[in-house]
PDB file of all heavy atoms in Angstrom:
ATOM      1  N   GLY A   1     -15.171 -27.390   4.204  1.00  0.00           N
ATOM      2  CA  GLY A   1     -14.545 -27.822   2.970  1.00  0.00           C
ATOM      3  C   GLY A   1     -15.119 -27.197   1.716  1.00  0.00           C
ATOM      4  O   GLY A   1     -14.580 -27.465   0.632  1.00  0.00           O
ATOM      5  N   SER A   2     -16.149 -26.419   1.853  1.00  0.00           N
ATOM      6  CA  SER A   2     -16.737 -25.772   0.688  1.00  0.00           C
ATOM      7  C   SER A   2     -15.745 -24.780   0.075  1.00  0.00           C
ATOM      8  O   SER A   2     -14.994 -24.093   0.804  1.00  0.00           O
ATOM      9  CB  SER A   2     -18.008 -25.039   1.065  1.00  0.00           C
ATOM     10  OG  SER A   2     -18.983 -25.940   1.543  1.00  0.00           O
ATOM     11  N   THR A   3     -15.752 -24.680  -1.235  1.00  0.00           N
ATOM     12  CA  THR A   3     -14.843 -23.814  -1.934  1.00  0.00           C
ATOM     13  C   THR A   3     -15.604 -22.892  -2.900  1.00  0.00           C
ATOM     14  O   THR A   3     -16.717 -23.209  -3.318  1.00  0.00           O
ATOM     15  CB  THR A   3     -13.791 -24.604  -2.731  1.00  0.00           C
ATOM     16  OG1 THR A   3     -14.472 -25.425  -3.697  1.00  0.00           O
ATOM     17  CG2 THR A   3     -12.962 -25.489  -1.815  1.00  0.00           C
ATOM     18  N   ASN A   4     -14.979 -21.791  -3.221  1.00  0.00           N
ATOM     19  CA  ASN A   4     -15.450 -20.964  -4.300  1.00  0.00           C
ATOM     20  C   ASN A   4     -14.266 -20.323  -5.003  1.00  0.00           C
ATOM     21  O   ASN A   4     -13.201 -20.131  -4.416  1.00  0.00           O
ATOM     22  CB  ASN A   4     -16.483 -19.915  -3.822  1.00  0.00           C
ATOM     23  CG  ASN A   4     -15.946 -19.011  -2.757  1.00  0.00           C
ATOM     24  OD1 ASN A   4     -15.180 -18.081  -3.022  1.00  0.00           O
ATOM     25  ND2 ASN A   4     -16.385 -19.259  -1.514  1.00  0.00           N
ATOM     26  N   TYR A   5     -14.475 -20.000  -6.278  1.00  0.00           N
ATOM     27  CA  TYR A   5     -13.400 -19.513  -7.107  1.00  0.00           C
ATOM     28  C   TYR A   5     -13.870 -18.322  -7.932  1.00  0.00           C
ATOM     29  O   TYR A   5     -15.056 -18.217  -8.272  1.00  0.00           O
ATOM     30  CB  TYR A   5     -12.922 -20.601  -8.077  1.00  0.00           C
ATOM     31  CG  TYR A   5     -12.354 -21.814  -7.416  1.00  0.00           C
ATOM     32  CD1 TYR A   5     -13.170 -22.895  -7.081  1.00  0.00           C
ATOM     33  CD2 TYR A   5     -10.987 -21.892  -7.159  1.00  0.00           C
ATOM     34  CE1 TYR A   5     -12.641 -24.013  -6.470  1.00  0.00           C
ATOM     35  CE2 TYR A   5     -10.458 -23.016  -6.556  1.00  0.00           C
ATOM     36  CZ  TYR A   5     -11.283 -24.059  -6.223  1.00  0.00           C
ATOM     37  OH  TYR A   5     -10.750 -25.184  -5.613  1.00  0.00           O
ATOM     38  N   ALA A   6     -12.936 -17.476  -8.260  1.00  0.00           N
ATOM     39  CA  ALA A   6     -13.216 -16.447  -9.247  1.00  0.00           C
ATOM     40  C   ALA A   6     -13.495 -17.107 -10.593  1.00  0.00           C
ATOM     41  O   ALA A   6     -12.897 -18.125 -10.953  1.00  0.00           O
ATOM     42  CB  ALA A   6     -12.052 -15.470  -9.389  1.00  0.00           C
ATOM     43  N   ASP A   7     -14.397 -16.516 -11.368  1.00  0.00           N
ATOM     44  CA  ASP A   7     -14.737 -17.096 -12.669  1.00  0.00           C
ATOM     45  C   ASP A   7     -13.514 -17.242 -13.559  1.00  0.00           C
ATOM     46  O   ASP A   7     -13.431 -18.174 -14.355  1.00  0.00           O
ATOM     47  CB  ASP A   7     -15.784 -16.224 -13.362  1.00  0.00           C
ATOM     48  CG  ASP A   7     -17.166 -16.330 -12.735  1.00  0.00           C
ATOM     49  OD1 ASP A   7     -17.407 -17.296 -12.008  1.00  0.00           O
ATOM     50  OD2 ASP A   7     -17.988 -15.432 -12.975  1.00  0.00           O
ATOM     51  N   SER A   8     -12.572 -16.330 -13.425  1.00  0.00           N
ATOM     52  CA  SER A   8     -11.418 -16.333 -14.285  1.00  0.00           C
ATOM     53  C   SER A   8     -10.482 -17.510 -14.061  1.00  0.00           C
ATOM     54  O   SER A   8      -9.643 -17.810 -14.913  1.00  0.00           O
ATOM     55  CB  SER A   8     -10.625 -15.023 -14.127  1.00  0.00           C
ATOM     56  OG  SER A   8     -10.200 -14.857 -12.793  1.00  0.00           O
ATOM     57  N   VAL A   9     -10.605 -18.195 -12.926  1.00  0.00           N
ATOM     58  CA  VAL A   9      -9.704 -19.290 -12.605  1.00  0.00           C
ATOM     59  C   VAL A   9     -10.399 -20.642 -12.471  1.00  0.00           C
ATOM     60  O   VAL A   9      -9.724 -21.680 -12.288  1.00  0.00           O
ATOM     61  CB  VAL A   9      -8.881 -19.023 -11.329  1.00  0.00           C
ATOM     62  CG1 VAL A   9      -8.195 -17.671 -11.426  1.00  0.00           C
ATOM     63  CG2 VAL A   9      -9.755 -19.106 -10.086  1.00  0.00           C
ATOM     64  N   LYS A  10     -11.722 -20.667 -12.578  1.00  0.00           N
ATOM     65  CA  LYS A  10     -12.451 -21.913 -12.434  1.00  0.00           C
ATOM     66  C   LYS A  10     -11.981 -22.923 -13.470  1.00  0.00           C
ATOM     67  O   LYS A  10     -11.841 -22.621 -14.647  1.00  0.00           O
ATOM     68  CB  LYS A  10     -13.961 -21.673 -12.574  1.00  0.00           C
ATOM     69  CG  LYS A  10     -14.589 -21.003 -11.381  1.00  0.00           C
ATOM     70  CD  LYS A  10     -16.083 -20.811 -11.594  1.00  0.00           C
ATOM     71  CE  LYS A  10     -16.728 -20.168 -10.383  1.00  0.00           C
ATOM     72  NZ  LYS A  10     -18.167 -19.926 -10.584  1.00  0.00           N
ATOM     73  N   GLY A  11     -11.786 -24.132 -12.999  1.00  0.00           N
ATOM     74  CA  GLY A  11     -11.316 -25.196 -13.874  1.00  0.00           C
ATOM     75  C   GLY A  11      -9.818 -25.268 -14.032  1.00  0.00           C
ATOM     76  O   GLY A  11      -9.290 -26.246 -14.581  1.00  0.00           O
ATOM     77  N   ARG A  12      -9.119 -24.244 -13.557  1.00  0.00           N
ATOM     78  CA  ARG A  12      -7.672 -24.208 -13.678  1.00  0.00           C
ATOM     79  C   ARG A  12      -6.978 -24.235 -12.327  1.00  0.00           C
ATOM     80  O   ARG A  12      -5.882 -24.787 -12.203  1.00  0.00           O
ATOM     81  CB  ARG A  12      -7.216 -22.961 -14.447  1.00  0.00           C
ATOM     82  CG  ARG A  12      -7.738 -22.894 -15.868  1.00  0.00           C
ATOM     83  CD  ARG A  12      -7.119 -21.750 -16.638  1.00  0.00           C
ATOM     84  NE  ARG A  12      -7.421 -20.441 -16.059  1.00  0.00           N
ATOM     85  CZ  ARG A  12      -6.504 -19.586 -15.604  1.00  0.00           C
ATOM     86  NH1 ARG A  12      -5.217 -19.877 -15.669  1.00  0.00           N
ATOM     87  NH2 ARG A  12      -6.884 -18.423 -15.098  1.00  0.00           N
ATOM     88  N   PHE A  13      -7.566 -23.596 -11.328  1.00  0.00           N
ATOM     89  CA  PHE A  13      -6.967 -23.485  -9.996  1.00  0.00           C
ATOM     90  C   PHE A  13      -7.734 -24.362  -9.004  1.00  0.00           C
ATOM     91  O   PHE A  13      -8.953 -24.508  -9.129  1.00  0.00           O
ATOM     92  CB  PHE A  13      -7.005 -22.059  -9.484  1.00  0.00           C
ATOM     93  CG  PHE A  13      -6.081 -21.098 -10.193  1.00  0.00           C
ATOM     94  CD1 PHE A  13      -5.422 -21.431 -11.378  1.00  0.00           C
ATOM     95  CD2 PHE A  13      -5.879 -19.817  -9.665  1.00  0.00           C
ATOM     96  CE1 PHE A  13      -4.598 -20.539 -12.023  1.00  0.00           C
ATOM     97  CE2 PHE A  13      -5.044 -18.922 -10.298  1.00  0.00           C
ATOM     98  CZ  PHE A  13      -4.405 -19.271 -11.471  1.00  0.00           C
ATOM     99  N   THR A  14      -7.023 -24.883  -8.023  1.00  0.00           N
ATOM    100  CA  THR A  14      -7.651 -25.671  -6.972  1.00  0.00           C
ATOM    101  C   THR A  14      -7.075 -25.262  -5.627  1.00  0.00           C
ATOM    102  O   THR A  14      -5.858 -25.267  -5.451  1.00  0.00           O
ATOM    103  CB  THR A  14      -7.436 -27.178  -7.191  1.00  0.00           C
ATOM    104  OG1 THR A  14      -7.942 -27.588  -8.443  1.00  0.00           O
ATOM    105  CG2 THR A  14      -8.130 -27.975  -6.075  1.00  0.00           C
ATOM    106  N   ILE A  15      -7.957 -24.910  -4.694  1.00  0.00           N
ATOM    107  CA  ILE A  15      -7.524 -24.605  -3.341  1.00  0.00           C
ATOM    108  C   ILE A  15      -7.721 -25.838  -2.472  1.00  0.00           C
ATOM    109  O   ILE A  15      -8.720 -26.550  -2.586  1.00  0.00           O
ATOM    110  CB  ILE A  15      -8.278 -23.397  -2.754  1.00  0.00           C
ATOM    111  CG1 ILE A  15      -7.704 -22.965  -1.420  1.00  0.00           C
ATOM    112  CG2 ILE A  15      -9.778 -23.651  -2.668  1.00  0.00           C
ATOM    113  CD1 ILE A  15      -8.248 -21.642  -0.902  1.00  0.00           C
ATOM    114  N   SER A  16      -6.776 -26.104  -1.594  1.00  0.00           N
ATOM    115  CA  SER A  16      -6.879 -27.231  -0.676  1.00  0.00           C
ATOM    116  C   SER A  16      -6.167 -26.857   0.623  1.00  0.00           C
ATOM    117  O   SER A  16      -5.480 -25.839   0.696  1.00  0.00           O
ATOM    118  CB  SER A  16      -6.283 -28.497  -1.287  1.00  0.00           C
ATOM    119  OG  SER A  16      -4.911 -28.329  -1.568  1.00  0.00           O
ATOM    120  N   ARG A  17      -6.344 -27.688   1.639  1.00  0.00           N
ATOM    121  CA  ARG A  17      -5.750 -27.371   2.924  1.00  0.00           C
ATOM    122  C   ARG A  17      -5.282 -28.661   3.604  1.00  0.00           C
ATOM    123  O   ARG A  17      -5.736 -29.755   3.312  1.00  0.00           O
ATOM    124  CB  ARG A  17      -6.766 -26.673   3.816  1.00  0.00           C
ATOM    125  CG  ARG A  17      -7.921 -27.604   4.215  1.00  0.00           C
ATOM    126  CD  ARG A  17      -9.055 -26.903   4.882  1.00  0.00           C
ATOM    127  NE  ARG A  17     -10.111 -27.835   5.214  1.00  0.00           N
ATOM    128  CZ  ARG A  17     -11.349 -27.518   5.504  1.00  0.00           C
ATOM    129  NH1 ARG A  17     -11.688 -26.236   5.557  1.00  0.00           N
ATOM    130  NH2 ARG A  17     -12.231 -28.462   5.790  1.00  0.00           N
ATOM    131  N   ASP A  18      -4.353 -28.471   4.536  1.00  0.00           N
ATOM    132  CA  ASP A  18      -3.915 -29.541   5.406  1.00  0.00           C
ATOM    133  C   ASP A  18      -4.081 -28.983   6.822  1.00  0.00           C
ATOM    134  O   ASP A  18      -3.250 -28.225   7.311  1.00  0.00           O
ATOM    135  CB  ASP A  18      -2.471 -29.907   5.140  1.00  0.00           C
ATOM    136  CG  ASP A  18      -1.982 -31.095   5.941  1.00  0.00           C
ATOM    137  OD1 ASP A  18      -2.537 -31.352   7.014  1.00  0.00           O
ATOM    138  OD2 ASP A  18      -1.053 -31.785   5.485  1.00  0.00           O
ATOM    139  N   ASN A  19      -5.165 -29.368   7.470  1.00  0.00           N
ATOM    140  CA  ASN A  19      -5.491 -28.802   8.766  1.00  0.00           C
ATOM    141  C   ASN A  19      -4.437 -29.125   9.831  1.00  0.00           C
ATOM    142  O   ASN A  19      -4.146 -28.341  10.709  1.00  0.00           O
ATOM    143  CB  ASN A  19      -6.853 -29.295   9.232  1.00  0.00           C
ATOM    144  CG  ASN A  19      -7.996 -28.705   8.430  1.00  0.00           C
ATOM    145  OD1 ASN A  19      -7.882 -27.615   7.872  1.00  0.00           O
ATOM    146  ND2 ASN A  19      -9.115 -29.419   8.364  1.00  0.00           N
ATOM    147  N   ALA A  20      -3.851 -30.315   9.748  1.00  0.00           N
ATOM    148  CA  ALA A  20      -2.855 -30.721  10.726  1.00  0.00           C
ATOM    149  C   ALA A  20      -1.606 -29.830  10.654  1.00  0.00           C
ATOM    150  O   ALA A  20      -0.919 -29.665  11.652  1.00  0.00           O
ATOM    151  CB  ALA A  20      -2.474 -32.193  10.535  1.00  0.00           C
ATOM    152  N   LYS A  21      -1.338 -29.308   9.480  1.00  0.00           N
ATOM    153  CA  LYS A  21      -0.165 -28.480   9.268  1.00  0.00           C
ATOM    154  C   LYS A  21      -0.489 -26.975   9.250  1.00  0.00           C
ATOM    155  O   LYS A  21       0.420 -26.162   9.045  1.00  0.00           O
ATOM    156  CB  LYS A  21       0.534 -28.846   7.971  1.00  0.00           C
ATOM    157  CG  LYS A  21       1.103 -30.241   7.956  1.00  0.00           C
ATOM    158  CD  LYS A  21       1.824 -30.542   6.639  1.00  0.00           C
ATOM    159  CE  LYS A  21       2.415 -31.924   6.636  1.00  0.00           C
ATOM    160  NZ  LYS A  21       3.101 -32.233   5.349  1.00  0.00           N
ATOM    161  N   ASN A  22      -1.756 -26.626   9.419  1.00  0.00           N
ATOM    162  CA  ASN A  22      -2.189 -25.234   9.304  1.00  0.00           C
ATOM    163  C   ASN A  22      -1.663 -24.594   8.018  1.00  0.00           C
ATOM    164  O   ASN A  22      -1.104 -23.504   8.017  1.00  0.00           O
ATOM    165  CB  ASN A  22      -1.752 -24.431  10.528  1.00  0.00           C
ATOM    166  CG  ASN A  22      -2.571 -24.723  11.750  1.00  0.00           C
ATOM    167  OD1 ASN A  22      -3.741 -25.099  11.665  1.00  0.00           O
ATOM    168  ND2 ASN A  22      -1.976 -24.511  12.931  1.00  0.00           N
ATOM    169  N   THR A  23      -1.870 -25.304   6.937  1.00  0.00           N
ATOM    170  CA  THR A  23      -1.348 -24.904   5.647  1.00  0.00           C
ATOM    171  C   THR A  23      -2.428 -24.978   4.583  1.00  0.00           C
ATOM    172  O   THR A  23      -3.232 -25.898   4.568  1.00  0.00           O
ATOM    173  CB  THR A  23      -0.155 -25.774   5.240  1.00  0.00           C
ATOM    174  OG1 THR A  23       0.878 -25.660   6.221  1.00  0.00           O
ATOM    175  CG2 THR A  23       0.380 -25.370   3.897  1.00  0.00           C
ATOM    176  N   VAL A  24      -2.419 -24.004   3.701  1.00  0.00           N
ATOM    177  CA  VAL A  24      -3.341 -23.982   2.565  1.00  0.00           C
ATOM    178  C   VAL A  24      -2.496 -23.960   1.299  1.00  0.00           C
ATOM    179  O   VAL A  24      -1.383 -23.424   1.276  1.00  0.00           O
ATOM    180  CB  VAL A  24      -4.295 -22.788   2.633  1.00  0.00           C
ATOM    181  CG1 VAL A  24      -3.557 -21.470   2.438  1.00  0.00           C
ATOM    182  CG2 VAL A  24      -5.426 -22.921   1.609  1.00  0.00           C
ATOM    183  N   TYR A  25      -3.039 -24.519   0.223  1.00  0.00           N
ATOM    184  CA  TYR A  25      -2.351 -24.609  -1.049  1.00  0.00           C
ATOM    185  C   TYR A  25      -3.224 -24.043  -2.173  1.00  0.00           C
ATOM    186  O   TYR A  25      -4.444 -24.036  -2.083  1.00  0.00           O
ATOM    187  CB  TYR A  25      -2.012 -26.058  -1.385  1.00  0.00           C
ATOM    188  CG  TYR A  25      -1.231 -26.763  -0.308  1.00  0.00           C
ATOM    189  CD1 TYR A  25      -1.890 -27.521   0.652  1.00  0.00           C
ATOM    190  CD2 TYR A  25       0.155 -26.699  -0.244  1.00  0.00           C
ATOM    191  CE1 TYR A  25      -1.191 -28.177   1.643  1.00  0.00           C
ATOM    192  CE2 TYR A  25       0.854 -27.339   0.730  1.00  0.00           C
ATOM    193  CZ  TYR A  25       0.192 -28.077   1.674  1.00  0.00           C
ATOM    194  OH  TYR A  25       0.908 -28.724   2.681  1.00  0.00           O
ATOM    195  N   LEU A  26      -2.553 -23.599  -3.206  1.00  0.00           N
ATOM    196  CA  LEU A  26      -3.243 -23.214  -4.405  1.00  0.00           C
ATOM    197  C   LEU A  26      -2.513 -23.822  -5.581  1.00  0.00           C
ATOM    198  O   LEU A  26      -1.387 -23.420  -5.916  1.00  0.00           O
ATOM    199  CB  LEU A  26      -3.299 -21.685  -4.570  1.00  0.00           C
ATOM    200  CG  LEU A  26      -4.116 -21.183  -5.770  1.00  0.00           C
ATOM    201  CD1 LEU A  26      -5.608 -21.486  -5.580  1.00  0.00           C
ATOM    202  CD2 LEU A  26      -3.904 -19.686  -5.985  1.00  0.00           C
ATOM    203  N   GLN A  27      -3.129 -24.826  -6.181  1.00  0.00           N
ATOM    204  CA  GLN A  27      -2.563 -25.463  -7.369  1.00  0.00           C
ATOM    205  C   GLN A  27      -3.050 -24.693  -8.593  1.00  0.00           C
ATOM    206  O   GLN A  27      -4.262 -24.571  -8.806  1.00  0.00           O
ATOM    207  CB  GLN A  27      -3.006 -26.921  -7.455  1.00  0.00           C
ATOM    208  CG  GLN A  27      -2.486 -27.671  -8.686  1.00  0.00           C
ATOM    209  CD  GLN A  27      -0.984 -27.805  -8.706  1.00  0.00           C
ATOM    210  OE1 GLN A  27      -0.400 -28.207  -7.693  1.00  0.00           O
ATOM    211  NE2 GLN A  27      -0.348 -27.476  -9.813  1.00  0.00           N
ATOM    212  N   MET A  28      -2.130 -24.182  -9.370  1.00  0.00           N
ATOM    213  CA  MET A  28      -2.456 -23.358 -10.514  1.00  0.00           C
ATOM    214  C   MET A  28      -1.984 -24.051 -11.767  1.00  0.00           C
ATOM    215  O   MET A  28      -0.783 -24.260 -11.966  1.00  0.00           O
ATOM    216  CB  MET A  28      -1.830 -21.972 -10.389  1.00  0.00           C
ATOM    217  CG  MET A  28      -2.182 -21.242  -9.113  1.00  0.00           C
ATOM    218  SD  MET A  28      -1.542 -19.559  -9.043  1.00  0.00           S
ATOM    219  CE  MET A  28       0.237 -19.903  -9.001  1.00  0.00           C
ATOM    220  N   ASN A  29      -2.903 -24.405 -12.648  1.00  0.00           N
ATOM    221  CA  ASN A  29      -2.617 -25.073 -13.895  1.00  0.00           C
ATOM    222  C   ASN A  29      -3.022 -24.199 -15.058  1.00  0.00           C
ATOM    223  O   ASN A  29      -3.824 -23.274 -14.925  1.00  0.00           O
ATOM    224  CB  ASN A  29      -3.323 -26.431 -13.964  1.00  0.00           C
ATOM    225  CG  ASN A  29      -2.915 -27.383 -12.884  1.00  0.00           C
ATOM    226  OD1 ASN A  29      -1.750 -27.407 -12.451  1.00  0.00           O
ATOM    227  ND2 ASN A  29      -3.848 -28.205 -12.426  1.00  0.00           N
ATOM    228  N   SER A  30      -2.506 -24.528 -16.225  1.00  0.00           N
ATOM    229  CA  SER A  30      -2.841 -23.807 -17.440  1.00  0.00           C
ATOM    230  C   SER A  30      -2.716 -22.301 -17.262  1.00  0.00           C
ATOM    231  O   SER A  30      -3.616 -21.517 -17.626  1.00  0.00           O
ATOM    232  CB  SER A  30      -4.245 -24.185 -17.919  1.00  0.00           C
ATOM    233  OG  SER A  30      -4.360 -25.567 -18.130  1.00  0.00           O
ATOM    234  N   LEU A  31      -1.604 -21.893 -16.717  1.00  0.00           N
ATOM    235  CA  LEU A  31      -1.435 -20.478 -16.372  1.00  0.00           C
ATOM    236  C   LEU A  31      -1.393 -19.594 -17.611  1.00  0.00           C
ATOM    237  O   LEU A  31      -0.860 -19.983 -18.655  1.00  0.00           O
ATOM    238  CB  LEU A  31      -0.155 -20.303 -15.554  1.00  0.00           C
ATOM    239  CG  LEU A  31      -0.291 -20.721 -14.087  1.00  0.00           C
ATOM    240  CD1 LEU A  31       1.080 -20.968 -13.456  1.00  0.00           C
ATOM    241  CD2 LEU A  31      -1.057 -19.661 -13.301  1.00  0.00           C
TER     242      LEU A  31
END
């Protein structure tokens, strides 16, 4: 569950996953 981000997107983007669905997401805010 550990995450890391590029400095340019920290605080704005969030990566998450749904293991049961084999799916990953990227929520992008303040684009």
